[in-house]
Amino acid sequence: MSNGHKVFCVKLQKELPGLDEPPFDTELGKKIYENVSKDAWNMWMEHCKMLLNEYRLNPARKEDQQVIVEQLEQYFFGEGSAVPKEYIPPSR
């Protein structure tokens, strides 16, 4: 059931459907709910997978969660999450 929640997406700079609920129960989760579209969130999820693989992060570890949260904030509200220096995009 879509509640028709619309946001002006900080990432894509246009009005789009937002997430159905905040992704986390924190201020950041609320900020994402209010400012990030579903499309941009899906882009982040893809980006996040790449980060997890590149940096061998384990989402179950506290330190790694912190890294992910920092990257998430950068991705949407900072300079943009940097692609790891060693990262080579898969060639077509």
N, C-alpha and C. Protein backbone atom coordinates (compact mmCIF):
# COMPACT_ATOMS: atom_id res chain seq x y z
N MET A 1 0.84 -1.20 0.00
CA MET A 1 0.00 0.00 0.00
C MET A 1 0.87 1.25 0.00
N SER A 2 0.84 2.02 -1.02
CA SER A 2 1.61 3.25 -1.02
C SER A 2 0.80 4.34 -0.34
N ASN A 3 1.47 5.05 0.54
CA ASN A 3 0.76 6.15 1.22
C ASN A 3 0.92 7.45 0.44
N GLY A 4 1.54 7.35 -0.77
CA GLY A 4 1.69 8.53 -1.59
C GLY A 4 2.66 9.54 -1.00
N HIS A 5 3.57 9.06 -0.12
CA HIS A 5 4.57 9.94 0.49
C HIS A 5 5.54 10.43 -0.59
N LYS A 6 5.54 11.76 -0.81
CA LYS A 6 6.43 12.35 -1.82
C LYS A 6 7.50 13.19 -1.13
N VAL A 7 8.68 13.19 -1.72
CA VAL A 7 9.76 14.01 -1.18
C VAL A 7 10.44 14.75 -2.33
N PHE A 8 11.06 15.87 -1.98
CA PHE A 8 11.96 16.50 -2.96
C PHE A 8 13.31 15.85 -2.69
N CYS A 9 13.73 14.96 -3.59
CA CYS A 9 14.91 14.14 -3.36
C CYS A 9 16.20 14.95 -3.43
N VAL A 10 16.99 14.89 -2.35
CA VAL A 10 18.27 15.62 -2.31
C VAL A 10 19.24 15.09 -3.35
N LYS A 11 19.12 13.81 -3.69
CA LYS A 11 20.08 13.21 -4.60
C LYS A 11 19.71 13.49 -6.05
N LEU A 12 18.42 13.32 -6.38
CA LEU A 12 17.99 13.44 -7.78
C LEU A 12 17.39 14.80 -8.10
N GLN A 13 17.26 15.63 -7.07
CA GLN A 13 16.79 17.01 -7.24
C GLN A 13 15.45 17.12 -7.95
N LYS A 14 14.52 16.24 -7.61
CA LYS A 14 13.15 16.40 -8.09
C LYS A 14 12.19 15.70 -7.15
N GLU A 15 10.92 16.01 -7.31
CA GLU A 15 9.92 15.40 -6.45
C GLU A 15 9.64 13.98 -6.91
N LEU A 16 9.75 13.05 -5.98
CA LEU A 16 9.59 11.63 -6.29
C LEU A 16 8.94 10.92 -5.11
N PRO A 17 8.42 9.71 -5.35
CA PRO A 17 7.90 8.94 -4.22
C PRO A 17 9.00 8.66 -3.20
N GLY A 18 8.66 8.84 -1.93
CA GLY A 18 9.62 8.57 -0.87
C GLY A 18 9.48 7.17 -0.34
N LEU A 19 10.29 6.84 0.66
CA LEU A 19 10.24 5.52 1.29
C LEU A 19 8.93 5.38 2.07
N ASP A 20 8.50 4.15 2.26
CA ASP A 20 7.25 3.91 2.99
C ASP A 20 7.40 4.23 4.48
N GLU A 21 8.61 4.08 4.98
CA GLU A 21 8.88 4.42 6.38
C GLU A 21 10.35 4.74 6.54
N PRO A 22 10.73 5.41 7.63
CA PRO A 22 12.16 5.70 7.83
C PRO A 22 12.97 4.40 7.88
N PRO A 23 14.15 4.37 7.24
CA PRO A 23 14.94 3.14 7.20
C PRO A 23 15.54 2.77 8.56
N PHE A 24 15.75 3.76 9.42
CA PHE A 24 16.22 3.47 10.78
C PHE A 24 15.48 4.37 11.74
N ASP A 25 15.52 3.94 13.00
CA ASP A 25 14.81 4.65 14.04
C ASP A 25 15.74 5.71 14.66
N THR A 26 16.28 6.59 13.82
CA THR A 26 17.21 7.61 14.30
C THR A 26 16.89 8.93 13.60
N GLU A 27 17.58 9.99 14.02
CA GLU A 27 17.44 11.29 13.34
C GLU A 27 17.79 11.14 11.86
N LEU A 28 18.87 10.41 11.59
CA LEU A 28 19.30 10.23 10.20
C LEU A 28 18.21 9.50 9.41
N GLY A 29 17.61 8.48 10.03
CA GLY A 29 16.54 7.74 9.37
C GLY A 29 15.38 8.65 9.00
N LYS A 30 15.06 9.56 9.94
CA LYS A 30 13.97 10.51 9.72
C LYS A 30 14.34 11.48 8.58
N LYS A 31 15.59 11.93 8.59
CA LYS A 31 16.08 12.86 7.57
C LYS A 31 16.02 12.20 6.19
N ILE A 32 16.38 10.92 6.15
CA ILE A 32 16.33 10.18 4.89
C ILE A 32 14.88 10.05 4.42
N TYR A 33 14.00 9.71 5.36
CA TYR A 33 12.58 9.56 5.04
C TYR A 33 12.02 10.85 4.43
N GLU A 34 12.47 11.99 4.95
CA GLU A 34 11.94 13.28 4.51
C GLU A 34 12.62 13.84 3.26
N ASN A 35 13.81 13.34 2.91
CA ASN A 35 14.60 13.96 1.84
C ASN A 35 15.10 13.04 0.74
N VAL A 36 14.84 11.75 0.86
CA VAL A 36 15.42 10.80 -0.10
C VAL A 36 14.30 9.98 -0.74
N SER A 37 14.34 9.89 -2.07
CA SER A 37 13.33 9.12 -2.80
C SER A 37 13.67 7.64 -2.78
N LYS A 38 12.67 6.84 -3.11
CA LYS A 38 12.89 5.38 -3.24
C LYS A 38 13.98 5.10 -4.27
N ASP A 39 13.93 5.83 -5.38
CA ASP A 39 14.93 5.60 -6.45
C ASP A 39 16.34 5.85 -5.93
N ALA A 40 16.51 6.96 -5.22
CA ALA A 40 17.84 7.30 -4.70
C ALA A 40 18.26 6.29 -3.63
N TRP A 41 17.30 5.84 -2.82
CA TRP A 41 17.62 4.84 -1.79
C TRP A 41 18.10 3.55 -2.44
N ASN A 42 17.45 3.15 -3.55
CA ASN A 42 17.89 1.94 -4.27
C ASN A 42 19.29 2.13 -4.84
N MET A 43 19.59 3.34 -5.32
CA MET A 43 20.94 3.64 -5.81
C MET A 43 21.95 3.48 -4.67
N TRP A 44 21.57 3.99 -3.49
CA TRP A 44 22.44 3.88 -2.32
C TRP A 44 22.67 2.40 -1.97
N MET A 45 21.61 1.59 -2.02
CA MET A 45 21.75 0.18 -1.67
C MET A 45 22.78 -0.50 -2.58
N GLU A 46 22.74 -0.16 -3.86
CA GLU A 46 23.73 -0.70 -4.81
C GLU A 46 25.13 -0.21 -4.44
N HIS A 47 25.24 1.08 -4.16
CA HIS A 47 26.51 1.70 -3.79
C HIS A 47 27.04 1.03 -2.52
N CYS A 48 26.14 0.80 -1.58
CA CYS A 48 26.49 0.21 -0.30
C CYS A 48 27.06 -1.21 -0.49
N LYS A 49 26.45 -1.99 -1.38
CA LYS A 49 26.95 -3.35 -1.66
C LYS A 49 28.39 -3.27 -2.14
N MET A 50 28.64 -2.29 -3.03
CA MET A 50 29.99 -2.12 -3.55
C MET A 50 30.96 -1.78 -2.41
N LEU A 51 30.53 -0.87 -1.51
CA LEU A 51 31.39 -0.51 -0.37
C LEU A 51 31.65 -1.73 0.52
N LEU A 52 30.62 -2.49 0.81
CA LEU A 52 30.76 -3.68 1.67
C LEU A 52 31.79 -4.62 1.07
N ASN A 53 31.69 -4.84 -0.25
CA ASN A 53 32.62 -5.75 -0.92
C ASN A 53 34.03 -5.19 -0.96
N GLU A 54 34.15 -3.93 -1.37
CA GLU A 54 35.48 -3.31 -1.52
C GLU A 54 36.22 -3.25 -0.19
N TYR A 55 35.51 -2.84 0.86
CA TYR A 55 36.16 -2.64 2.15
C TYR A 55 36.01 -3.85 3.05
N ARG A 56 35.39 -4.93 2.53
CA ARG A 56 35.16 -6.14 3.33
C ARG A 56 34.48 -5.77 4.65
N LEU A 57 33.46 -4.96 4.56
CA LEU A 57 32.74 -4.55 5.77
C LEU A 57 31.74 -5.61 6.17
N ASN A 58 31.55 -5.73 7.47
CA ASN A 58 30.56 -6.67 8.00
C ASN A 58 29.50 -5.86 8.73
N PRO A 59 28.28 -5.78 8.17
CA PRO A 59 27.24 -4.95 8.77
C PRO A 59 26.89 -5.34 10.21
N ALA A 60 27.32 -6.53 10.63
CA ALA A 60 27.04 -6.95 12.01
C ALA A 60 28.04 -6.32 13.00
N ARG A 61 29.16 -5.81 12.51
CA ARG A 61 30.17 -5.22 13.40
C ARG A 61 29.90 -3.74 13.63
N LYS A 62 29.97 -3.33 14.90
CA LYS A 62 29.71 -1.92 15.27
C LYS A 62 30.57 -0.95 14.47
N GLU A 63 31.87 -1.21 14.40
CA GLU A 63 32.79 -0.27 13.71
C GLU A 63 32.40 -0.14 12.24
N ASP A 64 32.05 -1.28 11.64
CA ASP A 64 31.70 -1.26 10.23
C ASP A 64 30.37 -0.54 10.02
N GLN A 65 29.44 -0.72 10.94
CA GLN A 65 28.16 0.00 10.86
C GLN A 65 28.43 1.50 10.84
N GLN A 66 29.37 1.94 11.67
CA GLN A 66 29.71 3.36 11.76
C GLN A 66 30.21 3.86 10.40
N VAL A 67 31.08 3.09 9.78
CA VAL A 67 31.61 3.45 8.45
C VAL A 67 30.46 3.58 7.45
N ILE A 68 29.54 2.62 7.49
CA ILE A 68 28.42 2.62 6.55
C ILE A 68 27.55 3.86 6.77
N VAL A 69 27.28 4.17 8.04
CA VAL A 69 26.45 5.35 8.35
C VAL A 69 27.13 6.63 7.86
N GLU A 70 28.45 6.73 8.07
CA GLU A 70 29.18 7.92 7.60
C GLU A 70 29.10 8.03 6.09
N GLN A 71 29.28 6.92 5.39
CA GLN A 71 29.21 6.93 3.93
C GLN A 71 27.80 7.31 3.47
N LEU A 72 26.81 6.81 4.19
CA LEU A 72 25.41 7.10 3.87
C LEU A 72 25.15 8.60 3.99
N GLU A 73 25.63 9.20 5.08
CA GLU A 73 25.43 10.64 5.26
C GLU A 73 26.13 11.42 4.17
N GLN A 74 27.36 11.00 3.84
CA GLN A 74 28.10 11.67 2.76
C GLN A 74 27.34 11.55 1.44
N TYR A 75 26.83 10.35 1.19
CA TYR A 75 26.17 10.06 -0.08
C TYR A 75 25.00 10.99 -0.33
N PHE A 76 24.19 11.20 0.71
CA PHE A 76 23.00 12.02 0.52
C PHE A 76 23.17 13.47 0.93
N PHE A 77 23.95 13.71 1.99
CA PHE A 77 23.95 15.06 2.57
C PHE A 77 25.33 15.70 2.60
N GLY A 78 26.36 14.98 2.12
CA GLY A 78 27.71 15.53 2.16
C GLY A 78 28.23 15.76 0.76
N GLU A 79 29.51 15.48 0.61
CA GLU A 79 30.17 15.71 -0.67
C GLU A 79 29.85 14.61 -1.66
N GLY A 80 29.09 13.63 -1.23
CA GLY A 80 28.90 12.45 -2.08
C GLY A 80 29.88 11.40 -1.60
N SER A 81 29.41 10.19 -1.48
CA SER A 81 30.26 9.11 -0.98
C SER A 81 31.32 8.82 -2.03
N ALA A 82 32.56 8.82 -1.61
CA ALA A 82 33.65 8.56 -2.55
C ALA A 82 33.67 7.09 -2.92
N VAL A 83 33.89 6.83 -4.18
CA VAL A 83 34.13 5.46 -4.60
C VAL A 83 35.52 5.10 -4.09
N PRO A 84 35.70 3.91 -3.52
CA PRO A 84 37.03 3.55 -3.01
C PRO A 84 38.09 3.73 -4.09
N LYS A 85 39.23 4.23 -3.69
CA LYS A 85 40.31 4.52 -4.65
C LYS A 85 40.65 3.29 -5.48
N GLU A 86 40.61 2.12 -4.84
CA GLU A 86 41.00 0.88 -5.53
C GLU A 86 39.89 0.38 -6.45
N TYR A 87 38.71 1.00 -6.34
CA TYR A 87 37.56 0.45 -7.06
C TYR A 87 37.69 0.63 -8.55
N ILE A 88 37.56 -0.47 -9.27
CA ILE A 88 37.52 -0.38 -10.74
C ILE A 88 36.13 -0.83 -11.16
N PRO A 89 35.34 0.09 -11.80
CA PRO A 89 34.00 -0.32 -12.18
C PRO A 89 34.06 -1.49 -13.13
N PRO A 90 33.10 -2.42 -13.02
CA PRO A 90 33.12 -3.58 -13.94
C PRO A 90 33.04 -3.09 -15.38
N SER A 91 33.88 -3.62 -16.23
CA SER A 91 33.85 -3.15 -17.63
C SER A 91 32.69 -3.84 -18.32
N ARG A 92 32.09 -3.11 -19.22
CA ARG A 92 30.91 -3.62 -19.95
C ARG A 92 31.32 -4.78 -20.86
